[in-house]
Amino acid sequence: MTEKLSQPHAEREYIPGLGKHFLTPLYDVAHRVFGLHSVHQEMITLAALRDGHRVLDVGCGTGNLLRATGQRHRNVDLVGLDPDPKALAQAGRKARRARLTVRLDRGFAQELPYDDASFDRVFSSLMLHHLDSTSKDALLAEVRRVLRPDGLLVLADAVLDEHGQVHAHGRGPGKVGMRGRMREQLRENVGDAVSQKIAAAGFTMDSTRTTALRIGGSIRIEVACPNVRDA
């Protein structure tokens, strides 16, 4: 396995997967307890991957989605990006154990270090609520830029009910990060707000579905393709 970890040009603040840096080693435990494997499997199915596709996981964390993708599709090119070096180190170990070739880059979703139209598929799993509204828009604009015209964005994030209550991570990992800024950022996910943001960034919505976690609520999965009329 070959693996490249690149460094961001400048440091900036970011929220790690469980809200606190010292909890990063527990992320995989939370992944199993909440049944996120099934969410990842559904995302992979919806991506309709083919041999030769180049796949980016934005906010790849400890690499669970990358590993699951590689195990189902051995002939795709896998790239993961995350600002957390500890999470990337775990992702690298998983890739080696699974005998997968994965490129891992340290960087930020708002400034993807990749060429225009260089990916066939982009995944984003449970990281959008880590960003404020301006950064969400920047992420989606960057994903639009790096996707090929026939590409797909497959994005999963927490579901909020009409009262703005969290319907994912209701007790457990998300609760750790549900204080202050992250709570406010997550409240932006009410109703069709995420779909509307994706569409405003130059995408055509393909499908939206909700999938239940083993415990703690549901996750909404959005599938969208670049709007070629905006190209």
Protein backbone atom coordinates (compact mmCIF):
# COMPACT_ATOMS: atom_id res chain seq x y z
CA MET A 1 0.00 0.00 0.00
CA THR A 2 1.23 3.49 -0.84
CA GLU A 3 -0.03 6.40 1.17
CA LYS A 4 0.59 10.12 1.12
CA LEU A 5 -0.24 12.46 3.98
CA SER A 6 0.03 16.07 2.90
CA GLN A 7 -0.03 19.05 5.24
CA PRO A 8 -2.36 22.06 5.06
CA HIS A 9 -0.84 25.39 4.09
CA ALA A 10 -2.15 27.00 7.29
CA GLU A 11 -3.60 25.79 10.55
CA ARG A 12 -7.17 26.66 11.51
CA GLU A 13 -9.60 25.62 14.18
CA TYR A 14 -11.64 22.49 13.59
CA ILE A 15 -14.00 20.24 15.54
CA PRO A 16 -12.88 16.59 15.69
CA GLY A 17 -15.27 13.71 15.07
CA LEU A 18 -16.59 13.36 18.63
CA GLY A 19 -16.32 17.03 19.47
CA LYS A 20 -13.19 16.73 21.64
CA HIS A 21 -9.67 15.71 20.61
CA PHE A 22 -9.15 13.36 23.55
CA LEU A 23 -12.18 11.32 22.42
CA THR A 24 -10.83 10.52 18.93
CA PRO A 25 -9.56 7.04 20.01
CA LEU A 26 -13.17 6.17 20.92
CA TYR A 27 -14.61 7.08 17.52
CA ASP A 28 -14.59 3.52 16.20
CA VAL A 29 -16.40 2.29 19.31
CA ALA A 30 -19.13 4.86 18.67
CA HIS A 31 -19.21 3.84 15.00
CA ARG A 32 -20.03 0.26 15.99
CA VAL A 33 -22.48 1.11 18.78
CA PHE A 34 -24.57 3.44 16.66
CA GLY A 35 -24.56 1.17 13.62
CA LEU A 36 -22.94 3.64 11.24
CA HIS A 37 -21.62 0.77 9.14
CA SER A 38 -25.07 0.36 7.61
CA VAL A 39 -25.19 4.06 6.74
CA HIS A 40 -21.86 3.76 4.97
CA GLN A 41 -22.99 0.69 3.08
CA GLU A 42 -26.06 2.57 1.84
CA MET A 43 -23.91 5.52 0.80
CA ILE A 44 -21.64 3.20 -1.19
CA THR A 45 -24.62 1.60 -2.91
CA LEU A 46 -26.08 5.00 -3.81
CA ALA A 47 -22.73 6.09 -5.26
CA ALA A 48 -23.02 3.44 -8.02
CA LEU A 49 -19.25 3.04 -8.22
CA ARG A 50 -17.48 1.53 -11.21
CA ASP A 51 -13.93 0.29 -11.76
CA GLY A 52 -11.56 3.19 -12.32
CA HIS A 53 -13.61 5.77 -10.43
CA ARG A 54 -11.69 8.25 -8.30
CA VAL A 55 -13.39 8.72 -4.93
CA LEU A 56 -12.86 11.46 -2.33
CA ASP A 57 -14.09 11.21 1.26
CA VAL A 58 -14.18 14.74 2.70
CA GLY A 59 -13.76 14.61 6.47
CA CYS A 60 -12.76 10.96 6.30
CA GLY A 61 -11.98 10.73 10.03
CA THR A 62 -10.61 7.33 10.98
CA GLY A 63 -11.28 5.91 7.52
CA ASN A 64 -14.31 3.66 8.06
CA LEU A 65 -16.10 4.76 4.89
CA LEU A 66 -12.90 4.55 2.83
CA ARG A 67 -12.22 1.02 4.09
CA ALA A 68 -15.79 -0.12 3.43
CA THR A 69 -15.64 1.37 -0.07
CA GLY A 70 -12.35 -0.33 -0.87
CA GLN A 71 -13.56 -3.67 0.42
CA ARG A 72 -16.58 -3.58 -1.90
CA HIS A 73 -14.81 -1.97 -4.87
CA ARG A 74 -11.17 -3.00 -5.12
CA ASN A 75 -10.57 -1.19 -8.40
CA VAL A 76 -11.39 2.38 -7.41
CA ASP A 77 -8.92 5.11 -6.49
CA LEU A 78 -9.48 6.16 -2.86
CA VAL A 79 -8.58 9.55 -1.39
CA GLY A 80 -9.40 10.78 2.11
CA LEU A 81 -9.04 14.28 3.53
CA ASP A 82 -9.29 15.37 7.18
CA PRO A 83 -7.72 18.06 9.39
CA ASP A 84 -7.14 15.67 12.32
CA PRO A 85 -3.71 13.97 12.17
CA LYS A 86 -4.66 11.41 14.83
CA ALA A 87 -7.72 10.34 12.86
CA LEU A 88 -5.66 10.10 9.68
CA ALA A 89 -3.11 7.90 11.45
CA GLN A 90 -5.91 5.50 12.43
CA ALA A 91 -7.23 5.56 8.87
CA GLY A 92 -3.80 4.65 7.57
CA ARG A 93 -3.52 1.67 9.91
CA LYS A 94 -6.94 0.40 8.83
CA ALA A 95 -6.04 0.70 5.16
CA ARG A 96 -2.84 -1.25 5.68
CA ARG A 97 -4.63 -4.02 7.56
CA ALA A 98 -7.23 -4.23 4.79
CA ARG A 99 -4.47 -4.19 2.16
CA LEU A 100 -5.97 -1.16 0.48
CA THR A 101 -4.18 1.60 -1.38
CA VAL A 102 -5.47 4.89 0.00
CA ARG A 103 -4.15 8.42 -0.32
CA LEU A 104 -4.67 10.36 2.92
CA ASP A 105 -4.30 14.14 2.94
CA ARG A 106 -4.40 16.50 5.88
CA GLY A 107 -6.42 19.54 4.90
CA PHE A 108 -9.69 21.42 5.17
CA ALA A 109 -12.96 20.94 3.34
CA GLN A 110 -13.25 24.64 2.52
CA GLU A 111 -10.02 24.54 0.47
CA LEU A 112 -9.75 21.14 -1.20
CA PRO A 113 -6.17 20.64 -2.47
CA TYR A 114 -7.26 18.97 -5.69
CA ASP A 115 -7.61 19.94 -9.35
CA ASP A 116 -10.88 20.92 -10.97
CA ALA A 117 -13.00 18.00 -12.20
CA SER A 118 -10.65 15.41 -10.69
CA PHE A 119 -13.12 13.09 -8.90
CA ASP A 120 -15.99 10.87 -10.00
CA ARG A 121 -17.57 10.63 -6.55
CA VAL A 122 -17.33 12.68 -3.36
CA PHE A 123 -18.51 11.35 0.00
CA SER A 124 -19.25 13.43 3.09
CA SER A 125 -20.34 11.49 6.16
CA LEU A 126 -21.48 13.22 9.37
CA MET A 127 -19.15 16.18 9.05
CA LEU A 128 -21.32 18.96 7.56
CA HIS A 129 -22.63 19.95 11.00
CA HIS A 130 -19.05 20.57 12.10
CA LEU A 131 -19.03 23.67 9.87
CA ASP A 132 -20.66 27.06 10.20
CA SER A 133 -22.94 28.29 7.43
CA THR A 134 -20.21 30.10 5.49
CA SER A 135 -17.91 27.08 5.68
CA LYS A 136 -20.73 24.76 4.56
CA ASP A 137 -21.17 26.90 1.45
CA ALA A 138 -17.41 26.86 0.85
CA LEU A 139 -17.29 23.06 1.17
CA LEU A 140 -20.12 22.56 -1.30
CA ALA A 141 -18.57 25.01 -3.77
CA GLU A 142 -15.27 23.12 -3.54
CA VAL A 143 -16.99 19.76 -4.02
CA ARG A 144 -18.75 21.19 -7.07
CA ARG A 145 -15.37 22.31 -8.41
CA VAL A 146 -13.53 19.00 -7.98
CA LEU A 147 -16.37 16.79 -9.26
CA ARG A 148 -16.44 15.75 -12.90
CA PRO A 149 -19.56 16.75 -14.86
CA ASP A 150 -21.01 13.24 -14.56
CA GLY A 151 -19.96 12.86 -10.92
CA LEU A 152 -22.00 12.45 -7.75
CA LEU A 153 -21.97 13.91 -4.26
CA VAL A 154 -23.24 11.50 -1.59
CA LEU A 155 -23.64 13.36 1.70
CA ALA A 156 -24.98 12.08 5.02
CA ASP A 157 -25.73 14.13 8.11
CA ALA A 158 -27.97 14.29 11.17
CA VAL A 159 -31.73 14.72 10.86
CA LEU A 160 -33.56 17.39 12.87
CA ASP A 161 -37.30 17.31 13.48
CA GLU A 162 -39.61 20.29 13.05
CA HIS A 163 -38.71 21.47 16.56
CA GLY A 164 -35.00 21.50 15.73
CA GLN A 165 -34.25 18.51 17.94
CA VAL A 166 -31.31 16.25 17.06
CA HIS A 167 -32.43 12.90 15.70
CA ALA A 168 -28.98 11.45 15.41
CA HIS A 169 -26.39 10.89 18.12
CA GLY A 170 -29.21 11.61 20.58
CA ARG A 171 -27.23 10.01 23.39
CA GLY A 172 -23.59 9.20 23.01
CA PRO A 173 -20.90 10.53 20.67
CA GLY A 174 -22.78 13.47 19.24
CA LYS A 175 -23.81 14.58 22.72
CA VAL A 176 -20.18 15.27 23.49
CA GLY A 177 -20.07 17.88 20.74
CA MET A 178 -23.59 19.22 21.11
CA ARG A 179 -22.49 22.18 23.17
CA GLY A 180 -22.18 25.73 21.98
CA ARG A 181 -21.06 26.23 18.41
CA MET A 182 -21.69 22.71 17.09
CA ARG A 183 -25.23 22.74 18.48
CA GLU A 184 -25.97 25.98 16.65
CA GLN A 185 -24.44 24.68 13.43
CA LEU A 186 -26.47 21.49 13.60
CA ARG A 187 -29.68 23.49 13.99
CA GLU A 188 -29.16 24.70 10.42
CA ASN A 189 -30.06 21.16 9.27
CA VAL A 190 -33.81 21.54 9.87
CA GLY A 191 -36.10 20.18 7.16
CA ASP A 192 -34.79 20.58 3.62
CA ALA A 193 -32.13 23.13 4.55
CA VAL A 194 -29.23 20.88 3.56
CA SER A 195 -30.85 19.98 0.22
CA GLN A 196 -31.41 23.66 -0.46
CA LYS A 197 -27.77 24.49 0.32
CA ILE A 198 -26.60 21.72 -2.00
CA ALA A 199 -28.86 22.95 -4.81
CA ALA A 200 -27.71 26.55 -4.30
CA ALA A 201 -24.10 25.40 -4.73
CA GLY A 202 -24.81 24.29 -8.30
CA PHE A 203 -26.13 20.76 -7.89
CA THR A 204 -29.22 18.96 -9.08
CA MET A 205 -30.71 16.81 -6.32
CA ASP A 206 -30.96 13.19 -7.40
CA SER A 207 -32.46 11.60 -4.28
CA THR A 208 -32.90 12.10 -0.56
CA ARG A 209 -33.57 9.35 1.93
CA THR A 210 -33.50 8.78 5.66
CA THR A 211 -31.91 5.73 7.22
CA ALA A 212 -32.25 4.69 10.86
CA LEU A 213 -29.32 4.18 13.17
CA ARG A 214 -29.22 1.16 15.47
CA ILE A 215 -29.76 3.60 18.35
CA GLY A 216 -29.94 7.36 18.57
CA GLY A 217 -32.16 8.33 15.65
CA SER A 218 -31.72 8.73 11.90
CA ILE A 219 -29.36 10.01 9.24
CA ARG A 220 -30.40 11.76 6.05
CA ILE A 221 -28.50 10.83 2.90
CA GLU A 222 -28.47 13.31 0.02
CA VAL A 223 -27.36 12.38 -3.51
CA ALA A 224 -26.70 15.16 -6.01
CA CYS A 225 -24.95 15.70 -9.32
CA PRO A 226 -23.32 18.87 -10.68
CA ASN A 227 -25.69 21.06 -12.61
CA VAL A 228 -23.98 21.13 -16.01
CA ARG A 229 -25.91 24.27 -16.97
CA ASP A 230 -23.92 26.12 -14.30
CA ALA A 231 -20.58 24.84 -15.58
